[in-house]
Amino acid sequence: MRKHLAKLEIEIDRLDNLDDGVFLILLMGLLEDFYIPEYVFISKPTNFDEKLTNCKFLFELIDEVCQQEKNCSPEDIANGDLKSILRILYLLFSSYKDRD
């Protein structure tokens, strides 16, 4: 994750910083090699509803490209549930581990 986000000069020091969905959305774009314009997600969410909107968009992206079960909900991510964030990261890792 760090290697890919470093391409955008983004550093993640704590996993609970991923609860707004922004970095996970950008990570999906990097992994799938497509551009995600900033108008389709909220780049600086300020409340729970905006975080939830981003997380729902993230789950739509995951549904389009990954054929695996997520075992969590957008609400879990937006609430900052560490287990759910780790589940999403593991899903992405297991889907893209053979890619560079």
PDB file of N, CA and C in Angstrom:
ATOM      1  N   MET A   1       0.820  -1.170   0.000  1.00  0.00           N
ATOM      2  CA  MET A   1       0.000   0.000   0.000  1.00  0.00           C
ATOM      3  C   MET A   1       0.877   1.251   0.000  1.00  0.00           C
ATOM      4  N   ARG A   2       1.847   1.283   0.854  1.00  0.00           N
ATOM      5  CA  ARG A   2       2.714   2.465   0.943  1.00  0.00           C
ATOM      6  C   ARG A   2       3.453   2.712  -0.359  1.00  0.00           C
ATOM      7  N   LYS A   3       3.899   1.630  -0.990  1.00  0.00           N
ATOM      8  CA  LYS A   3       4.642   1.765  -2.240  1.00  0.00           C
ATOM      9  C   LYS A   3       3.772   2.404  -3.311  1.00  0.00           C
ATOM     10  N   HIS A   4       2.527   1.985  -3.387  1.00  0.00           N
ATOM     11  CA  HIS A   4       1.637   2.520  -4.414  1.00  0.00           C
ATOM     12  C   HIS A   4       1.232   3.959  -4.109  1.00  0.00           C
ATOM     13  N   LEU A   5       0.891   4.241  -2.875  1.00  0.00           N
ATOM     14  CA  LEU A   5       0.483   5.601  -2.524  1.00  0.00           C
ATOM     15  C   LEU A   5       1.656   6.578  -2.573  1.00  0.00           C
ATOM     16  N   ALA A   6       2.870   6.074  -2.450  1.00  0.00           N
ATOM     17  CA  ALA A   6       4.045   6.943  -2.557  1.00  0.00           C
ATOM     18  C   ALA A   6       4.163   7.542  -3.950  1.00  0.00           C
ATOM     19  N   LYS A   7       3.568   6.887  -4.948  1.00  0.00           N
ATOM     20  CA  LYS A   7       3.570   7.433  -6.304  1.00  0.00           C
ATOM     21  C   LYS A   7       2.830   8.765  -6.352  1.00  0.00           C
ATOM     22  N   LEU A   8       1.881   8.944  -5.454  1.00  0.00           N
ATOM     23  CA  LEU A   8       1.130  10.200  -5.360  1.00  0.00           C
ATOM     24  C   LEU A   8       1.653  11.088  -4.243  1.00  0.00           C
ATOM     25  N   GLU A   9       2.802  10.700  -3.697  1.00  0.00           N
ATOM     26  CA  GLU A   9       3.424  11.410  -2.575  1.00  0.00           C
ATOM     27  C   GLU A   9       2.508  11.469  -1.355  1.00  0.00           C
ATOM     28  N   ILE A  10       1.879  10.333  -1.075  1.00  0.00           N
ATOM     29  CA  ILE A  10       0.992  10.207   0.084  1.00  0.00           C
ATOM     30  C   ILE A  10       1.626   9.213   1.043  1.00  0.00           C
ATOM     31  N   GLU A  11       1.726   9.604   2.300  1.00  0.00           N
ATOM     32  CA  GLU A  11       2.251   8.722   3.338  1.00  0.00           C
ATOM     33  C   GLU A  11       1.146   8.410   4.343  1.00  0.00           C
ATOM     34  N   ILE A  12       1.042   7.147   4.672  1.00  0.00           N
ATOM     35  CA  ILE A  12       0.071   6.708   5.673  1.00  0.00           C
ATOM     36  C   ILE A  12       0.860   6.240   6.885  1.00  0.00           C
ATOM     37  N   ASP A  13       0.617   6.866   8.029  1.00  0.00           N
ATOM     38  CA  ASP A  13       1.323   6.444   9.232  1.00  0.00           C
ATOM     39  C   ASP A  13       0.401   5.680  10.190  1.00  0.00           C
ATOM     40  N   ARG A  14      -0.903   5.830  10.018  1.00  0.00           N
ATOM     41  CA  ARG A  14      -1.857   5.120  10.879  1.00  0.00           C
ATOM     42  C   ARG A  14      -3.005   4.602  10.027  1.00  0.00           C
ATOM     43  N   LEU A  15      -3.415   3.370  10.276  1.00  0.00           N
ATOM     44  CA  LEU A  15      -4.496   2.784   9.492  1.00  0.00           C
ATOM     45  C   LEU A  15      -5.844   3.451   9.738  1.00  0.00           C
ATOM     46  N   ASP A  16      -6.022   4.039  10.914  1.00  0.00           N
ATOM     47  CA  ASP A  16      -7.312   4.681  11.161  1.00  0.00           C
ATOM     48  C   ASP A  16      -7.458   5.981  10.366  1.00  0.00           C
ATOM     49  N   ASN A  17      -6.393   6.419   9.683  1.00  0.00           N
ATOM     50  CA  ASN A  17      -6.500   7.563   8.773  1.00  0.00           C
ATOM     51  C   ASN A  17      -7.205   7.185   7.472  1.00  0.00           C
ATOM     52  N   LEU A  18      -7.491   5.906   7.289  1.00  0.00           N
ATOM     53  CA  LEU A  18      -8.138   5.437   6.071  1.00  0.00           C
ATOM     54  C   LEU A  18      -9.658   5.437   6.185  1.00  0.00           C
ATOM     55  N   ASP A  19     -10.198   5.864   7.321  1.00  0.00           N
ATOM     56  CA  ASP A  19     -11.638   5.768   7.542  1.00  0.00           C
ATOM     57  C   ASP A  19     -12.460   6.709   6.673  1.00  0.00           C
ATOM     58  N   ASP A  20     -11.838   7.717   6.059  1.00  0.00           N
ATOM     59  CA  ASP A  20     -12.610   8.622   5.201  1.00  0.00           C
ATOM     60  C   ASP A  20     -12.735   8.102   3.770  1.00  0.00           C
ATOM     61  N   GLY A  21     -12.022   7.026   3.445  1.00  0.00           N
ATOM     62  CA  GLY A  21     -12.137   6.389   2.145  1.00  0.00           C
ATOM     63  C   GLY A  21     -11.304   7.020   1.043  1.00  0.00           C
ATOM     64  N   VAL A  22     -10.772   8.202   1.256  1.00  0.00           N
ATOM     65  CA  VAL A  22     -10.060   8.926   0.196  1.00  0.00           C
ATOM     66  C   VAL A  22      -8.839   8.149  -0.284  1.00  0.00           C
ATOM     67  N   PHE A  23      -7.971   7.757   0.640  1.00  0.00           N
ATOM     68  CA  PHE A  23      -6.748   7.063   0.245  1.00  0.00           C
ATOM     69  C   PHE A  23      -7.043   5.674  -0.327  1.00  0.00           C
ATOM     70  N   LEU A  24      -8.093   5.034   0.163  1.00  0.00           N
ATOM     71  CA  LEU A  24      -8.458   3.727  -0.382  1.00  0.00           C
ATOM     72  C   LEU A  24      -8.982   3.868  -1.811  1.00  0.00           C
ATOM     73  N   ILE A  25      -9.726   4.938  -2.086  1.00  0.00           N
ATOM     74  CA  ILE A  25     -10.199   5.194  -3.446  1.00  0.00           C
ATOM     75  C   ILE A  25      -9.006   5.448  -4.366  1.00  0.00           C
ATOM     76  N   LEU A  26      -8.073   6.270  -3.916  1.00  0.00           N
ATOM     77  CA  LEU A  26      -6.881   6.548  -4.727  1.00  0.00           C
ATOM     78  C   LEU A  26      -6.053   5.278  -4.940  1.00  0.00           C
ATOM     79  N   LEU A  27      -5.966   4.447  -3.917  1.00  0.00           N
ATOM     80  CA  LEU A  27      -5.243   3.179  -4.034  1.00  0.00           C
ATOM     81  C   LEU A  27      -5.891   2.278  -5.085  1.00  0.00           C
ATOM     82  N   MET A  28      -7.216   2.229  -5.097  1.00  0.00           N
ATOM     83  CA  MET A  28      -7.917   1.430  -6.113  1.00  0.00           C
ATOM     84  C   MET A  28      -7.582   1.934  -7.513  1.00  0.00           C
ATOM     85  N   GLY A  29      -7.570   3.243  -7.683  1.00  0.00           N
ATOM     86  CA  GLY A  29      -7.219   3.797  -8.984  1.00  0.00           C
ATOM     87  C   GLY A  29      -5.807   3.437  -9.406  1.00  0.00           C
ATOM     88  N   LEU A  30      -4.894   3.480  -8.461  1.00  0.00           N
ATOM     89  CA  LEU A  30      -3.505   3.107  -8.773  1.00  0.00           C
ATOM     90  C   LEU A  30      -3.384   1.628  -9.114  1.00  0.00           C
ATOM     91  N   LEU A  31      -4.055   0.787  -8.346  1.00  0.00           N
ATOM     92  CA  LEU A  31      -3.957  -0.650  -8.579  1.00  0.00           C
ATOM     93  C   LEU A  31      -4.589  -1.057  -9.908  1.00  0.00           C
ATOM     94  N   GLU A  32      -5.678  -0.414 -10.259  1.00  0.00           N
ATOM     95  CA  GLU A  32      -6.368  -0.737 -11.505  1.00  0.00           C
ATOM     96  C   GLU A  32      -5.852   0.074 -12.686  1.00  0.00           C
ATOM     97  N   ASP A  33      -4.961   1.015 -12.404  1.00  0.00           N
ATOM     98  CA  ASP A  33      -4.353   1.854 -13.433  1.00  0.00           C
ATOM     99  C   ASP A  33      -5.402   2.671 -14.182  1.00  0.00           C
ATOM    100  N   PHE A  34      -6.285   3.306 -13.424  1.00  0.00           N
ATOM    101  CA  PHE A  34      -7.216   4.251 -14.025  1.00  0.00           C
ATOM    102  C   PHE A  34      -7.312   5.496 -13.165  1.00  0.00           C
ATOM    103  N   TYR A  35      -7.718   6.578 -13.806  1.00  0.00           N
ATOM    104  CA  TYR A  35      -7.818   7.869 -13.142  1.00  0.00           C
ATOM    105  C   TYR A  35      -9.197   8.019 -12.516  1.00  0.00           C
ATOM    106  N   ILE A  36      -9.224   8.458 -11.280  1.00  0.00           N
ATOM    107  CA  ILE A  36     -10.486   8.739 -10.596  1.00  0.00           C
ATOM    108  C   ILE A  36     -10.538  10.250 -10.366  1.00  0.00           C
ATOM    109  N   PRO A  37     -11.389  10.955 -11.112  1.00  0.00           N
ATOM    110  CA  PRO A  37     -11.454  12.406 -10.948  1.00  0.00           C
ATOM    111  C   PRO A  37     -11.975  12.799  -9.571  1.00  0.00           C
ATOM    112  N   GLU A  38     -11.515  13.929  -9.081  1.00  0.00           N
ATOM    113  CA  GLU A  38     -11.871  14.350  -7.721  1.00  0.00           C
ATOM    114  C   GLU A  38     -13.336  14.719  -7.560  1.00  0.00           C
ATOM    115  N   TYR A  39     -14.049  14.953  -8.646  1.00  0.00           N
ATOM    116  CA  TYR A  39     -15.455  15.318  -8.488  1.00  0.00           C
ATOM    117  C   TYR A  39     -16.356  14.120  -8.187  1.00  0.00           C
ATOM    118  N   VAL A  40     -15.842  12.886  -8.304  1.00  0.00           N
ATOM    119  CA  VAL A  40     -16.675  11.720  -8.022  1.00  0.00           C
ATOM    120  C   VAL A  40     -16.590  11.267  -6.559  1.00  0.00           C
ATOM    121  N   PHE A  41     -15.692  11.862  -5.803  1.00  0.00           N
ATOM    122  CA  PHE A  41     -15.616  11.582  -4.371  1.00  0.00           C
ATOM    123  C   PHE A  41     -15.277  12.867  -3.640  1.00  0.00           C
ATOM    124  N   ILE A  42     -15.431  12.853  -2.341  1.00  0.00           N
ATOM    125  CA  ILE A  42     -15.177  14.041  -1.521  1.00  0.00           C
ATOM    126  C   ILE A  42     -13.740  13.953  -1.020  1.00  0.00           C
ATOM    127  N   SER A  43     -12.886  14.832  -1.520  1.00  0.00           N
ATOM    128  CA  SER A  43     -11.459  14.711  -1.223  1.00  0.00           C
ATOM    129  C   SER A  43     -11.101  15.110   0.210  1.00  0.00           C
ATOM    130  N   LYS A  44     -11.920  15.933   0.842  1.00  0.00           N
ATOM    131  CA  LYS A  44     -11.669  16.334   2.235  1.00  0.00           C
ATOM    132  C   LYS A  44     -12.962  16.249   3.034  1.00  0.00           C
ATOM    133  N   PRO A  45     -13.385  15.030   3.350  1.00  0.00           N
ATOM    134  CA  PRO A  45     -14.642  14.894   4.092  1.00  0.00           C
ATOM    135  C   PRO A  45     -14.532  15.476   5.500  1.00  0.00           C
ATOM    136  N   THR A  46     -15.599  16.141   5.919  1.00  0.00           N
ATOM    137  CA  THR A  46     -15.580  16.798   7.229  1.00  0.00           C
ATOM    138  C   THR A  46     -16.533  16.169   8.230  1.00  0.00           C
ATOM    139  N   ASN A  47     -17.415  15.294   7.763  1.00  0.00           N
ATOM    140  CA  ASN A  47     -18.350  14.658   8.698  1.00  0.00           C
ATOM    141  C   ASN A  47     -18.581  13.204   8.296  1.00  0.00           C
ATOM    142  N   PHE A  48     -19.351  12.514   9.111  1.00  0.00           N
ATOM    143  CA  PHE A  48     -19.571  11.082   8.900  1.00  0.00           C
ATOM    144  C   PHE A  48     -20.277  10.806   7.575  1.00  0.00           C
ATOM    145  N   ASP A  49     -21.260  11.613   7.216  1.00  0.00           N
ATOM    146  CA  ASP A  49     -21.997  11.379   5.976  1.00  0.00           C
ATOM    147  C   ASP A  49     -21.104  11.476   4.748  1.00  0.00           C
ATOM    148  N   GLU A  50     -20.180  12.405   4.754  1.00  0.00           N
ATOM    149  CA  GLU A  50     -19.246  12.534   3.633  1.00  0.00           C
ATOM    150  C   GLU A  50     -18.285  11.354   3.593  1.00  0.00           C
ATOM    151  N   LYS A  51     -17.823  10.900   4.761  1.00  0.00           N
ATOM    152  CA  LYS A  51     -16.970   9.702   4.808  1.00  0.00           C
ATOM    153  C   LYS A  51     -17.733   8.497   4.279  1.00  0.00           C
ATOM    154  N   LEU A  52     -18.999   8.380   4.681  1.00  0.00           N
ATOM    155  CA  LEU A  52     -19.818   7.254   4.252  1.00  0.00           C
ATOM    156  C   LEU A  52     -20.032   7.280   2.736  1.00  0.00           C
ATOM    157  N   THR A  53     -20.231   8.459   2.179  1.00  0.00           N
ATOM    158  CA  THR A  53     -20.378   8.593   0.728  1.00  0.00           C
ATOM    159  C   THR A  53     -19.129   8.085   0.020  1.00  0.00           C
ATOM    160  N   ASN A  54     -17.958   8.460   0.517  1.00  0.00           N
ATOM    161  CA  ASN A  54     -16.701   7.981  -0.061  1.00  0.00           C
ATOM    162  C   ASN A  54     -16.577   6.464   0.063  1.00  0.00           C
ATOM    163  N   CYS A  55     -16.915   5.934   1.214  1.00  0.00           N
ATOM    164  CA  CYS A  55     -16.790   4.488   1.432  1.00  0.00           C
ATOM    165  C   CYS A  55     -17.756   3.707   0.547  1.00  0.00           C
ATOM    166  N   LYS A  56     -18.943   4.249   0.327  1.00  0.00           N
ATOM    167  CA  LYS A  56     -19.888   3.590  -0.586  1.00  0.00           C
ATOM    168  C   LYS A  56     -19.344   3.598  -2.007  1.00  0.00           C
ATOM    169  N   PHE A  57     -18.725   4.704  -2.408  1.00  0.00           N
ATOM    170  CA  PHE A  57     -18.103   4.761  -3.735  1.00  0.00           C
ATOM    171  C   PHE A  57     -16.964   3.754  -3.834  1.00  0.00           C
ATOM    172  N   LEU A  58     -16.156   3.642  -2.776  1.00  0.00           N
ATOM    173  CA  LEU A  58     -15.078   2.653  -2.745  1.00  0.00           C
ATOM    174  C   LEU A  58     -15.626   1.251  -2.947  1.00  0.00           C
ATOM    175  N   PHE A  59     -16.718   0.920  -2.274  1.00  0.00           N
ATOM    176  CA  PHE A  59     -17.299  -0.408  -2.398  1.00  0.00           C
ATOM    177  C   PHE A  59     -17.842  -0.646  -3.804  1.00  0.00           C
ATOM    178  N   GLU A  60     -18.343   0.410  -4.463  1.00  0.00           N
ATOM    179  CA  GLU A  60     -18.773   0.268  -5.851  1.00  0.00           C
ATOM    180  C   GLU A  60     -17.581  -0.069  -6.743  1.00  0.00           C
ATOM    181  N   LEU A  61     -16.461   0.606  -6.504  1.00  0.00           N
ATOM    182  CA  LEU A  61     -15.248   0.307  -7.275  1.00  0.00           C
ATOM    183  C   LEU A  61     -14.800  -1.136  -7.045  1.00  0.00           C
ATOM    184  N   ILE A  62     -14.793  -1.548  -5.798  1.00  0.00           N
ATOM    185  CA  ILE A  62     -14.374  -2.914  -5.482  1.00  0.00           C
ATOM    186  C   ILE A  62     -15.304  -3.922  -6.136  1.00  0.00           C
ATOM    187  N   ASP A  63     -16.615  -3.661  -6.114  1.00  0.00           N
ATOM    188  CA  ASP A  63     -17.573  -4.577  -6.741  1.00  0.00           C
ATOM    189  C   ASP A  63     -17.327  -4.706  -8.239  1.00  0.00           C
ATOM    190  N   GLU A  64     -16.906  -3.623  -8.884  1.00  0.00           N
ATOM    191  CA  GLU A  64     -16.668  -3.658 -10.325  1.00  0.00           C
ATOM    192  C   GLU A  64     -15.426  -4.436 -10.709  1.00  0.00           C
ATOM    193  N   VAL A  65     -14.392  -4.412  -9.862  1.00  0.00           N
ATOM    194  CA  VAL A  65     -13.119  -5.007 -10.279  1.00  0.00           C
ATOM    195  C   VAL A  65     -12.736  -6.273  -9.517  1.00  0.00           C
ATOM    196  N   CYS A  66     -13.237  -6.458  -8.324  1.00  0.00           N
ATOM    197  CA  CYS A  66     -12.891  -7.643  -7.532  1.00  0.00           C
ATOM    198  C   CYS A  66     -14.109  -8.548  -7.420  1.00  0.00           C
ATOM    199  N   GLN A  67     -13.886  -9.800  -7.492  1.00  0.00           N
ATOM    200  CA  GLN A  67     -14.978 -10.760  -7.404  1.00  0.00           C
ATOM    201  C   GLN A  67     -14.992 -11.473  -6.050  1.00  0.00           C
ATOM    202  N   GLN A  68     -14.469 -10.807  -5.033  1.00  0.00           N
ATOM    203  CA  GLN A  68     -14.387 -11.426  -3.719  1.00  0.00           C
ATOM    204  C   GLN A  68     -15.377 -10.790  -2.757  1.00  0.00           C
ATOM    205  N   GLU A  69     -15.747 -11.532  -1.752  1.00  0.00           N
ATOM    206  CA  GLU A  69     -16.640 -11.033  -0.698  1.00  0.00           C
ATOM    207  C   GLU A  69     -15.870 -10.093   0.224  1.00  0.00           C
ATOM    208  N   LYS A  70     -16.509  -8.989   0.611  1.00  0.00           N
ATOM    209  CA  LYS A  70     -15.823  -7.971   1.407  1.00  0.00           C
ATOM    210  C   LYS A  70     -15.891  -8.225   2.911  1.00  0.00           C
ATOM    211  N   ASN A  71     -16.907  -8.854   3.422  1.00  0.00           N
ATOM    212  CA  ASN A  71     -17.052  -9.174   4.850  1.00  0.00           C
ATOM    213  C   ASN A  71     -17.089  -7.951   5.760  1.00  0.00           C
ATOM    214  N   CYS A  72     -17.461  -6.811   5.230  1.00  0.00           N
ATOM    215  CA  CYS A  72     -17.658  -5.604   6.027  1.00  0.00           C
ATOM    216  C   CYS A  72     -18.535  -4.655   5.226  1.00  0.00           C
ATOM    217  N   SER A  73     -18.882  -3.544   5.819  1.00  0.00           N
ATOM    218  CA  SER A  73     -19.767  -2.602   5.149  1.00  0.00           C
ATOM    219  C   SER A  73     -19.111  -1.227   5.060  1.00  0.00           C
ATOM    220  N   PRO A  74     -19.624  -0.351   4.197  1.00  0.00           N
ATOM    221  CA  PRO A  74     -19.086   1.009   4.134  1.00  0.00           C
ATOM    222  C   PRO A  74     -19.199   1.732   5.476  1.00  0.00           C
ATOM    223  N   GLU A  75     -20.260   1.440   6.208  1.00  0.00           N
ATOM    224  CA  GLU A  75     -20.441   2.059   7.524  1.00  0.00           C
ATOM    225  C   GLU A  75     -19.318   1.680   8.479  1.00  0.00           C
ATOM    226  N   ASP A  76     -18.878   0.418   8.402  1.00  0.00           N
ATOM    227  CA  ASP A  76     -17.777  -0.038   9.263  1.00  0.00           C
ATOM    228  C   ASP A  76     -16.500   0.754   8.981  1.00  0.00           C
ATOM    229  N   ILE A  77     -16.212   0.961   7.701  1.00  0.00           N
ATOM    230  CA  ILE A  77     -15.013   1.704   7.327  1.00  0.00           C
ATOM    231  C   ILE A  77     -15.134   3.146   7.802  1.00  0.00           C
ATOM    232  N   ALA A  78     -16.287   3.772   7.526  1.00  0.00           N
ATOM    233  CA  ALA A  78     -16.491   5.177   7.896  1.00  0.00           C
ATOM    234  C   ALA A  78     -16.456   5.379   9.413  1.00  0.00           C
ATOM    235  N   ASN A  79     -16.834   4.348  10.166  1.00  0.00           N
ATOM    236  CA  ASN A  79     -16.752   4.421  11.631  1.00  0.00           C
ATOM    237  C   ASN A  79     -15.331   4.236  12.146  1.00  0.00           C
ATOM    238  N   GLY A  80     -14.409   3.878  11.267  1.00  0.00           N
ATOM    239  CA  GLY A  80     -13.015   3.702  11.672  1.00  0.00           C
ATOM    240  C   GLY A  80     -12.736   2.351  12.299  1.00  0.00           C
ATOM    241  N   ASP A  81     -13.585   1.359  12.030  1.00  0.00           N
ATOM    242  CA  ASP A  81     -13.375   0.015  12.565  1.00  0.00           C
ATOM    243  C   ASP A  81     -12.112  -0.584  11.946  1.00  0.00           C
ATOM    244  N   LEU A  82     -11.097  -0.766  12.771  1.00  0.00           N
ATOM    245  CA  LEU A  82      -9.791  -1.215  12.292  1.00  0.00           C
ATOM    246  C   LEU A  82      -9.861  -2.585  11.621  1.00  0.00           C
ATOM    247  N   LYS A  83     -10.650  -3.510  12.171  1.00  0.00           N
ATOM    248  CA  LYS A  83     -10.772  -4.839  11.558  1.00  0.00           C
ATOM    249  C   LYS A  83     -11.329  -4.740  10.143  1.00  0.00           C
ATOM    250  N   SER A  84     -12.303  -3.878   9.947  1.00  0.00           N
ATOM    251  CA  SER A  84     -12.899  -3.721   8.619  1.00  0.00           C
ATOM    252  C   SER A  84     -11.911  -3.090   7.647  1.00  0.00           C
ATOM    253  N   ILE A  85     -11.163  -2.111   8.114  1.00  0.00           N
ATOM    254  CA  ILE A  85     -10.145  -1.489   7.262  1.00  0.00           C
ATOM    255  C   ILE A  85      -9.100  -2.531   6.862  1.00  0.00           C
ATOM    256  N   LEU A  86      -8.695  -3.359   7.815  1.00  0.00           N
ATOM    257  CA  LEU A  86      -7.730  -4.420   7.506  1.00  0.00           C
ATOM    258  C   LEU A  86      -8.317  -5.445   6.542  1.00  0.00           C
ATOM    259  N   ARG A  87      -9.613  -5.737   6.672  1.00  0.00           N
ATOM    260  CA  ARG A  87     -10.258  -6.667   5.739  1.00  0.00           C
ATOM    261  C   ARG A  87     -10.203  -6.133   4.313  1.00  0.00           C
ATOM    262  N   ILE A  88     -10.487  -4.841   4.149  1.00  0.00           N
ATOM    263  CA  ILE A  88     -10.434  -4.248   2.813  1.00  0.00           C
ATOM    264  C   ILE A  88      -9.005  -4.254   2.278  1.00  0.00           C
ATOM    265  N   LEU A  89      -8.053  -3.907   3.120  1.00  0.00           N
ATOM    266  CA  LEU A  89      -6.656  -3.931   2.680  1.00  0.00           C
ATOM    267  C   LEU A  89      -6.219  -5.345   2.294  1.00  0.00           C
ATOM    268  N   TYR A  90      -6.656  -6.344   3.061  1.00  0.00           N
ATOM    269  CA  TYR A  90      -6.307  -7.723   2.727  1.00  0.00           C
ATOM    270  C   TYR A  90      -6.974  -8.151   1.424  1.00  0.00           C
ATOM    271  N   LEU A  91      -8.217  -7.725   1.219  1.00  0.00           N
ATOM    272  CA  LEU A  91      -8.904  -8.037  -0.026  1.00  0.00           C
ATOM    273  C   LEU A  91      -8.136  -7.454  -1.212  1.00  0.00           C
ATOM    274  N   LEU A  92      -7.704  -6.210  -1.071  1.00  0.00           N
ATOM    275  CA  LEU A  92      -6.929  -5.580  -2.146  1.00  0.00           C
ATOM    276  C   LEU A  92      -5.590  -6.283  -2.329  1.00  0.00           C
ATOM    277  N   PHE A  93      -4.932  -6.620  -1.215  1.00  0.00           N
ATOM    278  CA  PHE A  93      -3.650  -7.319  -1.300  1.00  0.00           C
ATOM    279  C   PHE A  93      -3.812  -8.660  -2.001  1.00  0.00           C
ATOM    280  N   SER A  94      -4.810  -9.423  -1.616  1.00  0.00           N
ATOM    281  CA  SER A  94      -4.988 -10.743  -2.201  1.00  0.00           C
ATOM    282  C   SER A  94      -5.414 -10.669  -3.676  1.00  0.00           C
ATOM    283  N   SER A  95      -6.093  -9.604  -4.055  1.00  0.00           N
ATOM    284  CA  SER A  95      -6.511  -9.439  -5.450  1.00  0.00           C
ATOM    285  C   SER A  95      -5.364  -8.975  -6.342  1.00  0.00           C
ATOM    286  N   TYR A  96      -4.428  -8.215  -5.772  1.00  0.00           N
ATOM    287  CA  TYR A  96      -3.393  -7.585  -6.582  1.00  0.00           C
ATOM    288  C   TYR A  96      -1.978  -8.032  -6.228  1.00  0.00           C
ATOM    289  N   LYS A  97      -1.825  -9.080  -5.437  1.00  0.00           N
ATOM    290  CA  LYS A  97      -0.496  -9.465  -4.977  1.00  0.00           C
ATOM    291  C   LYS A  97       0.420  -9.937  -6.105  1.00  0.00           C
ATOM    292  N   ASP A  98      -0.149 -10.417  -7.193  1.00  0.00           N
ATOM    293  CA  ASP A  98       0.676 -10.906  -8.305  1.00  0.00           C
ATOM    294  C   ASP A  98       1.049  -9.795  -9.277  1.00  0.00           C
ATOM    295  N   ARG A  99       0.472  -8.625  -9.068  1.00  0.00           N
ATOM    296  CA  ARG A  99       0.820  -7.475  -9.918  1.00  0.00           C
ATOM    297  C   ARG A  99       1.918  -6.677  -9.261  1.00  0.00           C
ATOM    298  N   ASP A 100       2.615  -5.874 -10.042  1.00  0.00           N
ATOM    299  CA  ASP A 100       3.673  -5.040  -9.480  1.00  0.00           C
ATOM    300  C   ASP A 100       3.141  -3.743  -8.968  1.00  0.00           C
TER     301      ASP A 100
END
